[in-house]
């Protein structure tokens, strides 16, 4: 049964082919979902796509201040001014990285596989509102081979003897988690995403199969 709950290993070729608009859309989706009911964001997503011009970074960067001010009153989206302006900032971030590397997807696909911690730092430093769990969710949903630091994953790692905090946010703890997943990947041949999912399902409350399938997509 466990095997049926595991995702496919991430595909670097698919990640490299990801368009900049889909990268920016992925960032926005995770930013607006943070601290909000995900179902609301999903239901309104067609409105987000329309309001933000299909998340085309080039088009958005040419829009004047008035465009962004109008979005703060646009009922098609969640009207959070700080999150709305993060799309503008991240359009610049995506555009800059794309220009440097021939596409943001290519940049992600070429990033060293065993250094998610470094990539998370770059997202937090150069992006807007992409730190912490939001950055992790972004990487997972766009297809980067990544671990999550959800409570169950961390509980599994601590149960296995890894010396990290219950809520690991320090560079030291994240590096230890990265090193552990790197070692398990070398030992098992599984992807980091798959091993993170196994950790999430290996400890904590027991659930029925349907609930496990639902939770596995976002918590491991």
C-alpha atoms as a PDB file:
ATOM      1  CA  UNK A   1       0.000   0.000   0.000  1.00  0.00           C
ATOM      2  CA  UNK A   2       2.838   2.412   0.808  1.00  0.00           C
ATOM      3  CA  UNK A   3       4.119   2.242  -2.754  1.00  0.00           C
ATOM      4  CA  UNK A   4       0.742   3.385  -4.093  1.00  0.00           C
ATOM      5  CA  UNK A   5       0.923   6.501  -1.912  1.00  0.00           C
ATOM      6  CA  UNK A   6       4.344   7.572  -3.130  1.00  0.00           C
ATOM      7  CA  UNK A   7       4.644  10.160  -5.895  1.00  0.00           C
ATOM      8  CA  UNK A   8       6.737   9.581  -8.964  1.00  0.00           C
ATOM      9  CA  UNK A   9      10.301  10.743  -8.692  1.00  0.00           C
ATOM     10  CA  UNK A  10      10.564  14.367  -9.898  1.00  0.00           C
ATOM     11  CA  UNK A  11      11.517  14.785 -13.547  1.00  0.00           C
ATOM     12  CA  UNK A  12      14.372  17.283 -14.093  1.00  0.00           C
ATOM     13  CA  UNK A  13      13.511  17.579 -17.793  1.00  0.00           C
ATOM     14  CA  UNK A  14       9.940  18.624 -16.996  1.00  0.00           C
ATOM     15  CA  UNK A  15      11.244  21.117 -14.442  1.00  0.00           C
ATOM     16  CA  UNK A  16      13.694  22.596 -16.947  1.00  0.00           C
ATOM     17  CA  UNK A  17      10.860  23.054 -19.459  1.00  0.00           C
ATOM     18  CA  UNK A  18       8.657  24.923 -16.980  1.00  0.00           C
ATOM     19  CA  UNK A  19       7.731  28.354 -18.311  1.00  0.00           C
ATOM     20  CA  UNK A  20       8.473  31.484 -16.302  1.00  0.00           C
ATOM     21  CA  UNK A  21       4.750  32.254 -16.147  1.00  0.00           C
ATOM     22  CA  UNK A  22       4.094  28.898 -14.454  1.00  0.00           C
ATOM     23  CA  UNK A  23       6.947  29.518 -12.042  1.00  0.00           C
ATOM     24  CA  UNK A  24       5.508  32.892 -11.048  1.00  0.00           C
ATOM     25  CA  UNK A  25       2.023  31.399 -10.831  1.00  0.00           C
ATOM     26  CA  UNK A  26       3.386  28.677  -8.554  1.00  0.00           C
ATOM     27  CA  UNK A  27       4.970  31.262  -6.282  1.00  0.00           C
ATOM     28  CA  UNK A  28       1.774  33.295  -6.108  1.00  0.00           C
ATOM     29  CA  UNK A  29      -0.391  30.246  -5.464  1.00  0.00           C
ATOM     30  CA  UNK A  30       1.679  29.233  -2.478  1.00  0.00           C
ATOM     31  CA  UNK A  31       1.978  32.788  -1.136  1.00  0.00           C
ATOM     32  CA  UNK A  32      -1.758  33.413  -1.277  1.00  0.00           C
ATOM     33  CA  UNK A  33      -2.454  29.978   0.227  1.00  0.00           C
ATOM     34  CA  UNK A  34      -0.234  30.663   3.239  1.00  0.00           C
ATOM     35  CA  UNK A  35      -2.401  31.238   6.308  1.00  0.00           C
ATOM     36  CA  UNK A  36      -5.558  30.890   4.214  1.00  0.00           C
ATOM     37  CA  UNK A  37      -7.965  28.094   3.312  1.00  0.00           C
ATOM     38  CA  UNK A  38      -6.381  26.426   0.291  1.00  0.00           C
ATOM     39  CA  UNK A  39      -9.806  25.507  -1.088  1.00  0.00           C
ATOM     40  CA  UNK A  40     -10.721  29.204  -1.375  1.00  0.00           C
ATOM     41  CA  UNK A  41      -7.574  29.948  -3.369  1.00  0.00           C
ATOM     42  CA  UNK A  42      -8.142  26.939  -5.628  1.00  0.00           C
ATOM     43  CA  UNK A  43     -11.747  27.936  -6.302  1.00  0.00           C
ATOM     44  CA  UNK A  44     -10.734  31.494  -7.165  1.00  0.00           C
ATOM     45  CA  UNK A  45      -7.647  30.546  -9.161  1.00  0.00           C
ATOM     46  CA  UNK A  46      -9.109  31.229 -12.640  1.00  0.00           C
ATOM     47  CA  UNK A  47      -9.735  34.763 -11.399  1.00  0.00           C
ATOM     48  CA  UNK A  48      -6.134  35.036 -10.229  1.00  0.00           C
ATOM     49  CA  UNK A  49      -4.905  33.963 -13.657  1.00  0.00           C
ATOM     50  CA  UNK A  50      -7.032  36.603 -15.346  1.00  0.00           C
ATOM     51  CA  UNK A  51      -6.251  39.388 -12.884  1.00  0.00           C
ATOM     52  CA  UNK A  52      -2.496  38.801 -13.023  1.00  0.00           C
ATOM     53  CA  UNK A  53      -2.340  38.544 -16.835  1.00  0.00           C
ATOM     54  CA  UNK A  54      -1.617  34.799 -16.794  1.00  0.00           C
ATOM     55  CA  UNK A  55       1.407  35.569 -14.607  1.00  0.00           C
ATOM     56  CA  UNK A  56       3.538  36.628 -17.557  1.00  0.00           C
ATOM     57  CA  UNK A  57       6.512  38.351 -15.859  1.00  0.00           C
ATOM     58  CA  UNK A  58       7.275  40.521 -18.887  1.00  0.00           C
ATOM     59  CA  UNK A  59       3.742  41.890 -19.121  1.00  0.00           C
ATOM     60  CA  UNK A  60       3.442  42.444 -15.376  1.00  0.00           C
ATOM     61  CA  UNK A  61       6.709  44.343 -15.152  1.00  0.00           C
ATOM     62  CA  UNK A  62       5.420  46.883 -17.694  1.00  0.00           C
ATOM     63  CA  UNK A  63       2.271  47.576 -15.680  1.00  0.00           C
ATOM     64  CA  UNK A  64       2.185  50.936 -13.834  1.00  0.00           C
ATOM     65  CA  UNK A  65       1.475  51.486 -10.156  1.00  0.00           C
ATOM     66  CA  UNK A  66      -2.199  52.069 -10.954  1.00  0.00           C
ATOM     67  CA  UNK A  67      -2.575  48.494 -12.209  1.00  0.00           C
ATOM     68  CA  UNK A  68      -1.386  47.122  -8.862  1.00  0.00           C
ATOM     69  CA  UNK A  69      -3.533  49.560  -6.911  1.00  0.00           C
ATOM     70  CA  UNK A  70      -6.619  48.390  -8.810  1.00  0.00           C
ATOM     71  CA  UNK A  71      -5.820  44.775  -7.962  1.00  0.00           C
ATOM     72  CA  UNK A  72      -6.194  45.623  -4.279  1.00  0.00           C
ATOM     73  CA  UNK A  73      -9.911  46.088  -4.981  1.00  0.00           C
ATOM     74  CA  UNK A  74     -10.332  43.250  -7.492  1.00  0.00           C
ATOM     75  CA  UNK A  75     -12.962  40.769  -6.286  1.00  0.00           C
ATOM     76  CA  UNK A  76     -11.586  38.023  -8.538  1.00  0.00           C
ATOM     77  CA  UNK A  77      -8.684  37.528  -6.132  1.00  0.00           C
ATOM     78  CA  UNK A  78      -7.934  37.630  -2.412  1.00  0.00           C
ATOM     79  CA  UNK A  79      -7.354  41.336  -1.795  1.00  0.00           C
ATOM     80  CA  UNK A  80      -4.274  41.244   0.398  1.00  0.00           C
ATOM     81  CA  UNK A  81      -2.097  44.226  -0.605  1.00  0.00           C
ATOM     82  CA  UNK A  82       1.165  42.738   0.705  1.00  0.00           C
ATOM     83  CA  UNK A  83       0.658  39.460  -1.155  1.00  0.00           C
ATOM     84  CA  UNK A  84      -0.446  41.278  -4.303  1.00  0.00           C
ATOM     85  CA  UNK A  85       2.732  43.349  -4.283  1.00  0.00           C
ATOM     86  CA  UNK A  86       4.789  40.200  -3.753  1.00  0.00           C
ATOM     87  CA  UNK A  87       3.707  39.115  -7.239  1.00  0.00           C
ATOM     88  CA  UNK A  88       5.208  42.295  -8.637  1.00  0.00           C
ATOM     89  CA  UNK A  89       8.467  41.742  -6.748  1.00  0.00           C
ATOM     90  CA  UNK A  90       8.617  38.087  -7.750  1.00  0.00           C
ATOM     91  CA  UNK A  91       7.974  38.951 -11.399  1.00  0.00           C
ATOM     92  CA  UNK A  92      11.254  40.862 -11.240  1.00  0.00           C
ATOM     93  CA  UNK A  93      12.939  37.991  -9.380  1.00  0.00           C
ATOM     94  CA  UNK A  94      11.791  35.407 -11.938  1.00  0.00           C
ATOM     95  CA  UNK A  95      12.749  37.675 -14.832  1.00  0.00           C
ATOM     96  CA  UNK A  96      16.238  38.297 -13.438  1.00  0.00           C
ATOM     97  CA  UNK A  97      16.949  34.610 -12.811  1.00  0.00           C
ATOM     98  CA  UNK A  98      15.543  33.684 -16.203  1.00  0.00           C
ATOM     99  CA  UNK A  99      17.779  36.169 -17.942  1.00  0.00           C
ATOM    100  CA  UNK A 100      20.814  34.854 -16.047  1.00  0.00           C
ATOM    101  CA  UNK A 101      20.105  31.154 -16.682  1.00  0.00           C
ATOM    102  CA  UNK A 102      17.922  30.906 -19.779  1.00  0.00           C
ATOM    103  CA  UNK A 103      14.742  30.242 -17.827  1.00  0.00           C
ATOM    104  CA  UNK A 104      13.793  29.871 -14.180  1.00  0.00           C
ATOM    105  CA  UNK A 105      12.878  26.218 -14.724  1.00  0.00           C
ATOM    106  CA  UNK A 106      16.327  25.557 -16.174  1.00  0.00           C
ATOM    107  CA  UNK A 107      17.844  27.282 -13.171  1.00  0.00           C
ATOM    108  CA  UNK A 108      15.936  25.017 -10.788  1.00  0.00           C
ATOM    109  CA  UNK A 109      16.749  21.870 -12.766  1.00  0.00           C
ATOM    110  CA  UNK A 110      20.460  22.731 -12.734  1.00  0.00           C
ATOM    111  CA  UNK A 111      20.595  23.490  -9.013  1.00  0.00           C
ATOM    112  CA  UNK A 112      22.688  20.886  -7.099  1.00  0.00           C
ATOM    113  CA  UNK A 113      20.344  18.095  -6.110  1.00  0.00           C
ATOM    114  CA  UNK A 114      21.688  17.810  -2.583  1.00  0.00           C
ATOM    115  CA  UNK A 115      21.436  21.487  -1.673  1.00  0.00           C
ATOM    116  CA  UNK A 116      17.779  22.340  -1.134  1.00  0.00           C
ATOM    117  CA  UNK A 117      18.837  24.391   1.899  1.00  0.00           C
ATOM    118  CA  UNK A 118      20.901  26.725  -0.282  1.00  0.00           C
ATOM    119  CA  UNK A 119      18.042  27.067  -2.753  1.00  0.00           C
ATOM    120  CA  UNK A 120      15.601  27.878   0.043  1.00  0.00           C
ATOM    121  CA  UNK A 121      17.950  30.619   1.225  1.00  0.00           C
ATOM    122  CA  UNK A 122      18.129  32.086  -2.266  1.00  0.00           C
ATOM    123  CA  UNK A 123      14.324  32.107  -2.527  1.00  0.00           C
ATOM    124  CA  UNK A 124      14.060  33.852   0.830  1.00  0.00           C
ATOM    125  CA  UNK A 125      16.804  36.377   0.054  1.00  0.00           C
ATOM    126  CA  UNK A 126      15.961  37.291  -3.541  1.00  0.00           C
ATOM    127  CA  UNK A 127      12.255  36.517  -3.678  1.00  0.00           C
ATOM    128  CA  UNK A 128       9.338  38.056  -1.823  1.00  0.00           C
ATOM    129  CA  UNK A 129       7.471  36.097   0.875  1.00  0.00           C
ATOM    130  CA  UNK A 130       9.158  32.862  -0.227  1.00  0.00           C
ATOM    131  CA  UNK A 131      10.839  31.943   3.043  1.00  0.00           C
ATOM    132  CA  UNK A 132      10.016  29.066   5.375  1.00  0.00           C
ATOM    133  CA  UNK A 133       7.224  26.658   4.537  1.00  0.00           C
ATOM    134  CA  UNK A 134       6.027  28.763   1.585  1.00  0.00           C
ATOM    135  CA  UNK A 135       9.337  28.228  -0.196  1.00  0.00           C
ATOM    136  CA  UNK A 136       9.215  24.511   0.553  1.00  0.00           C
ATOM    137  CA  UNK A 137       5.688  24.198  -0.816  1.00  0.00           C
ATOM    138  CA  UNK A 138       6.663  26.150  -3.924  1.00  0.00           C
ATOM    139  CA  UNK A 139       9.583  23.807  -4.636  1.00  0.00           C
ATOM    140  CA  UNK A 140       7.463  20.724  -4.052  1.00  0.00           C
ATOM    141  CA  UNK A 141       4.584  21.838  -6.242  1.00  0.00           C
ATOM    142  CA  UNK A 142       6.760  22.916  -9.189  1.00  0.00           C
ATOM    143  CA  UNK A 143       8.530  19.558  -9.171  1.00  0.00           C
ATOM    144  CA  UNK A 144      11.868  20.154  -7.455  1.00  0.00           C
ATOM    145  CA  UNK A 145      13.082  17.042  -5.608  1.00  0.00           C
ATOM    146  CA  UNK A 146      12.535  18.303  -2.079  1.00  0.00           C
ATOM    147  CA  UNK A 147      11.792  17.502   1.537  1.00  0.00           C
ATOM    148  CA  UNK A 148       9.222  19.180   3.753  1.00  0.00           C
ATOM    149  CA  UNK A 149       9.646  20.079   7.405  1.00  0.00           C
ATOM    150  CA  UNK A 150       6.046  19.331   8.357  1.00  0.00           C
ATOM    151  CA  UNK A 151       5.498  18.153  11.970  1.00  0.00           C
ATOM    152  CA  UNK A 152       5.238  14.482  11.006  1.00  0.00           C
ATOM    153  CA  UNK A 153       8.376  14.563   8.835  1.00  0.00           C
ATOM    154  CA  UNK A 154      10.361  16.210  11.618  1.00  0.00           C
ATOM    155  CA  UNK A 155       8.951  13.808  14.206  1.00  0.00           C
ATOM    156  CA  UNK A 156      10.096  10.892  12.034  1.00  0.00           C
ATOM    157  CA  UNK A 157      13.594  12.343  11.692  1.00  0.00           C
ATOM    158  CA  UNK A 158      13.863  12.955  15.430  1.00  0.00           C
ATOM    159  CA  UNK A 159      12.592   9.445  16.120  1.00  0.00           C
ATOM    160  CA  UNK A 160      15.374   8.151  13.863  1.00  0.00           C
ATOM    161  CA  UNK A 161      17.879   9.932  16.112  1.00  0.00           C
ATOM    162  CA  UNK A 162      18.479  13.172  14.219  1.00  0.00           C
ATOM    163  CA  UNK A 163      19.314  16.020  16.586  1.00  0.00           C
ATOM    164  CA  UNK A 164      17.101  18.848  15.324  1.00  0.00           C
ATOM    165  CA  UNK A 165      14.505  21.104  16.906  1.00  0.00           C
ATOM    166  CA  UNK A 166      10.810  20.217  16.771  1.00  0.00           C
ATOM    167  CA  UNK A 167      10.374  23.253  14.545  1.00  0.00           C
ATOM    168  CA  UNK A 168      13.631  23.375  12.586  1.00  0.00           C
ATOM    169  CA  UNK A 169      14.335  26.767  11.081  1.00  0.00           C
ATOM    170  CA  UNK A 170      18.031  27.302  11.748  1.00  0.00           C
ATOM    171  CA  UNK A 171      20.645  26.739   9.047  1.00  0.00           C
ATOM    172  CA  UNK A 172      22.218  24.093  11.296  1.00  0.00           C
ATOM    173  CA  UNK A 173      19.020  22.064  11.643  1.00  0.00           C
ATOM    174  CA  UNK A 174      18.041  22.360   7.985  1.00  0.00           C
ATOM    175  CA  UNK A 175      21.528  21.265   6.922  1.00  0.00           C
ATOM    176  CA  UNK A 176      21.302  18.222   9.189  1.00  0.00           C
ATOM    177  CA  UNK A 177      17.960  17.326   7.661  1.00  0.00           C
ATOM    178  CA  UNK A 178      19.385  17.785   4.175  1.00  0.00           C
ATOM    179  CA  UNK A 179      22.371  15.582   4.995  1.00  0.00           C
ATOM    180  CA  UNK A 180      20.090  12.844   6.332  1.00  0.00           C
ATOM    181  CA  UNK A 181      17.923  12.815   3.223  1.00  0.00           C
ATOM    182  CA  UNK A 182      21.022  12.869   1.013  1.00  0.00           C
ATOM    183  CA  UNK A 183      22.348   9.804   2.843  1.00  0.00           C
ATOM    184  CA  UNK A 184      19.024   7.972   2.539  1.00  0.00           C
ATOM    185  CA  UNK A 185      18.804   8.832  -1.159  1.00  0.00           C
ATOM    186  CA  UNK A 186      22.256   7.331  -1.755  1.00  0.00           C
ATOM    187  CA  UNK A 187      21.327   4.260   0.260  1.00  0.00           C
ATOM    188  CA  UNK A 188      17.865   3.572  -1.184  1.00  0.00           C
ATOM    189  CA  UNK A 189      17.837   5.070  -4.674  1.00  0.00           C
ATOM    190  CA  UNK A 190      14.560   6.810  -3.845  1.00  0.00           C
ATOM    191  CA  UNK A 191      14.063  10.510  -4.460  1.00  0.00           C
ATOM    192  CA  UNK A 192      14.102  12.986  -1.590  1.00  0.00           C
ATOM    193  CA  UNK A 193      10.436  13.720  -2.311  1.00  0.00           C
ATOM    194  CA  UNK A 194       9.553  10.049  -1.917  1.00  0.00           C
ATOM    195  CA  UNK A 195      11.532   9.663   1.303  1.00  0.00           C
ATOM    196  CA  UNK A 196       9.989  12.815   2.746  1.00  0.00           C
ATOM    197  CA  UNK A 197       6.569  11.356   1.981  1.00  0.00           C
ATOM    198  CA  UNK A 198       7.516   8.065   3.677  1.00  0.00           C
ATOM    199  CA  UNK A 199       8.582  10.000   6.774  1.00  0.00           C
ATOM    200  CA  UNK A 200       5.280  11.867   6.831  1.00  0.00           C
ATOM    201  CA  UNK A 201       3.330   8.592   6.789  1.00  0.00           C
ATOM    202  CA  UNK A 202       5.557   6.705   9.238  1.00  0.00           C
ATOM    203  CA  UNK A 203       4.657   8.447  12.483  1.00  0.00           C
ATOM    204  CA  UNK A 204       1.812  10.308  14.139  1.00  0.00           C
ATOM    205  CA  UNK A 205      -1.937   9.554  14.047  1.00  0.00           C
ATOM    206  CA  UNK A 206      -3.271   6.719  11.898  1.00  0.00           C
ATOM    207  CA  UNK A 207      -5.693   7.551   9.087  1.00  0.00           C
ATOM    208  CA  UNK A 208      -7.799   5.662   6.570  1.00  0.00           C
ATOM    209  CA  UNK A 209      -6.457   5.199   3.060  1.00  0.00           C
ATOM    210  CA  UNK A 210      -8.444   8.048   1.489  1.00  0.00           C
ATOM    211  CA  UNK A 211      -7.290  10.494   4.155  1.00  0.00           C
ATOM    212  CA  UNK A 212      -3.693   9.351   3.757  1.00  0.00           C
ATOM    213  CA  UNK A 213      -3.869   9.978   0.025  1.00  0.00           C
ATOM    214  CA  UNK A 214      -5.310  13.443   0.611  1.00  0.00           C
ATOM    215  CA  UNK A 215      -2.757  14.411   3.262  1.00  0.00           C
ATOM    216  CA  UNK A 216       0.222  12.910   1.441  1.00  0.00           C
ATOM    217  CA  UNK A 217       0.034  15.476  -1.329  1.00  0.00           C
ATOM    218  CA  UNK A 218       0.690  18.446   0.933  1.00  0.00           C
ATOM    219  CA  UNK A 219       2.377  17.295   4.139  1.00  0.00           C
ATOM    220  CA  UNK A 220       5.265  15.107   3.055  1.00  0.00           C
END
